[in-house]
Amino acid sequence: MRLEVITPATTCVDVQVRRIVAEAPEGHFGILPNHGDFVSELVPGILVYAPKEGPDRFVALHSGTLVKCGGHVRVAVQGAIEGDDLAWLSERVELDFRQQDEDERAARAALARLEAGMIRRFRDLEGLG
């Protein structure tokens, strides 16, 4: 089956695999090529996949959705980092995802300031009229 892991910016993984293990809010689950179609929410964690040849690979996921349809599994996530060394991946995840969370907080704060400014301007305009 084909595994595709996509983020808003790029395709992180696009490979033929023998099996996949991922984590949903209810716990871990596995997917084999002949499993039925389904959709699942994914929590932040590690997705494990076995490529057609070679050892298991890992993808750290921020959060997202997994859709299995026929022989295709598409995982759409906010952020993903692929690797084969769990220690390295853990360090990268900690740094990258923390930075992403800080960027999102800064964007929300900027949006809140913009909204507050617009409300003040509308109030000022109402006072003139």
Protein backbone atom coordinates (compact mmCIF):
# COMPACT_ATOMS: atom_id res chain seq x y z
CA MET A 1 0.00 0.00 0.00
CA ARG A 2 1.10 3.57 -0.55
CA LEU A 3 1.71 5.91 2.42
CA GLU A 4 1.64 9.64 1.90
CA VAL A 5 2.31 12.08 4.76
CA ILE A 6 1.55 15.67 3.83
CA THR A 7 1.86 18.97 5.68
CA PRO A 8 0.57 22.38 4.59
CA ALA A 9 4.02 23.08 3.13
CA THR A 10 5.26 19.79 1.65
CA THR A 11 4.96 16.05 1.15
CA CYS A 12 7.09 14.51 3.89
CA VAL A 13 6.68 10.84 2.93
CA ASP A 14 5.48 9.16 -0.27
CA VAL A 15 6.43 5.48 -0.26
CA GLN A 16 5.11 1.93 -0.68
CA VAL A 17 4.80 0.18 2.71
CA ARG A 18 3.98 -3.22 4.21
CA ARG A 19 2.37 -1.91 7.40
CA ILE A 20 1.69 1.25 9.41
CA VAL A 21 1.28 1.85 13.15
CA ALA A 22 -0.22 5.18 14.28
CA GLU A 23 -1.83 6.67 17.38
CA ALA A 24 -5.41 7.90 17.69
CA PRO A 25 -7.00 9.45 20.79
CA GLU A 26 -8.19 5.94 21.76
CA GLY A 27 -4.70 4.40 21.42
CA HIS A 28 -2.35 2.84 18.86
CA PHE A 29 -3.62 0.93 15.83
CA GLY A 30 -2.07 -0.92 12.91
CA ILE A 31 -2.90 -0.95 9.21
CA LEU A 32 -2.12 -3.72 6.73
CA PRO A 33 -2.75 -3.55 2.97
CA ASN A 34 -6.00 -5.55 3.07
CA HIS A 35 -7.64 -3.68 5.95
CA GLY A 36 -10.92 -1.91 5.29
CA ASP A 37 -11.20 1.76 4.51
CA PHE A 38 -11.51 4.20 7.41
CA VAL A 39 -10.68 7.66 8.75
CA SER A 40 -9.00 8.44 12.06
CA GLU A 41 -7.88 11.49 13.98
CA LEU A 42 -4.20 11.32 14.95
CA VAL A 43 -2.69 12.69 18.14
CA PRO A 44 0.84 14.09 18.33
CA GLY A 45 3.23 11.16 18.39
CA ILE A 46 5.26 8.75 16.30
CA LEU A 47 3.91 6.99 13.20
CA VAL A 48 5.87 3.83 12.37
CA TYR A 49 5.92 2.33 8.89
CA ALA A 50 7.64 -0.63 7.30
CA PRO A 51 8.83 0.18 3.77
CA LYS A 52 8.69 -2.55 1.13
CA GLU A 53 12.36 -3.26 1.89
CA GLY A 54 14.52 -2.35 4.86
CA PRO A 55 13.95 -1.54 8.52
CA ASP A 56 11.06 0.38 10.03
CA ARG A 57 11.02 4.15 9.64
CA PHE A 58 9.48 6.78 11.91
CA VAL A 59 7.58 10.00 11.38
CA ALA A 60 6.95 12.37 14.26
CA LEU A 61 3.52 13.93 13.78
CA HIS A 62 2.17 17.11 15.30
CA SER A 63 -1.53 16.17 14.90
CA GLY A 64 -3.84 15.49 11.99
CA THR A 65 -6.01 13.01 10.13
CA LEU A 66 -5.37 9.62 8.54
CA VAL A 67 -7.52 8.38 5.65
CA LYS A 68 -7.22 4.82 4.31
CA CYS A 69 -8.94 4.30 0.98
CA GLY A 70 -8.14 1.14 -0.95
CA GLY A 71 -4.40 0.76 -1.27
CA HIS A 72 -3.68 4.37 -0.36
CA VAL A 73 -3.14 5.85 3.12
CA ARG A 74 -2.95 9.64 3.27
CA VAL A 75 -1.95 11.38 6.49
CA ALA A 76 -2.54 15.14 6.61
CA VAL A 77 -0.80 16.81 9.57
CA GLN A 78 0.23 20.24 10.85
CA GLY A 79 3.87 19.19 11.06
CA ALA A 80 5.96 16.07 10.42
CA ILE A 81 9.59 15.02 10.69
CA GLU A 82 10.84 11.73 9.23
CA GLY A 83 13.80 9.76 10.57
CA ASP A 84 15.20 6.37 11.51
CA ASP A 85 16.90 7.35 14.80
CA LEU A 86 14.34 7.80 17.59
CA ALA A 87 16.72 9.72 19.87
CA TRP A 88 17.52 12.26 17.13
CA LEU A 89 13.87 12.44 16.14
CA SER A 90 12.84 13.12 19.74
CA GLU A 91 15.27 16.04 19.98
CA ARG A 92 14.15 17.49 16.63
CA VAL A 93 10.50 17.13 17.55
CA GLU A 94 11.00 18.93 20.83
CA LEU A 95 12.73 21.87 19.12
CA ASP A 96 10.64 22.08 15.94
CA PHE A 97 7.22 21.57 17.48
CA ARG A 98 7.97 23.96 20.36
CA GLN A 99 8.96 26.62 17.81
CA GLN A 100 5.82 25.93 15.79
CA ASP A 101 3.66 26.31 18.93
CA GLU A 102 5.39 29.62 19.75
CA ASP A 103 4.82 30.86 16.20
CA GLU A 104 1.13 29.94 16.41
CA ARG A 105 0.78 31.76 19.75
CA ALA A 106 2.43 34.87 18.27
CA ALA A 107 0.08 34.75 15.28
CA ARG A 108 -2.99 34.42 17.53
CA ALA A 109 -1.78 37.38 19.64
CA ALA A 110 -1.27 39.50 16.51
CA LEU A 111 -4.75 38.60 15.28
CA ALA A 112 -6.26 39.50 18.66
CA ARG A 113 -4.52 42.92 18.54
CA LEU A 114 -5.82 43.47 15.00
CA GLU A 115 -9.38 42.58 16.02
CA ALA A 116 -9.20 44.88 19.08
CA GLY A 117 -7.95 47.72 16.88
CA MET A 118 -10.79 47.23 14.42
CA ILE A 119 -13.37 47.24 17.23
CA ARG A 120 -11.91 50.50 18.59
CA ARG A 121 -12.09 52.07 15.13
CA PHE A 122 -15.73 50.99 14.66
CA ARG A 123 -16.59 52.49 18.05
CA ASP A 124 -14.82 55.72 17.07
CA LEU A 125 -16.79 55.83 13.80
CA GLU A 126 -20.08 55.25 15.63
CA GLY A 127 -19.27 58.15 17.95
CA LEU A 128 -18.79 60.48 14.97
CA GLY A 129 -22.08 59.57 13.36
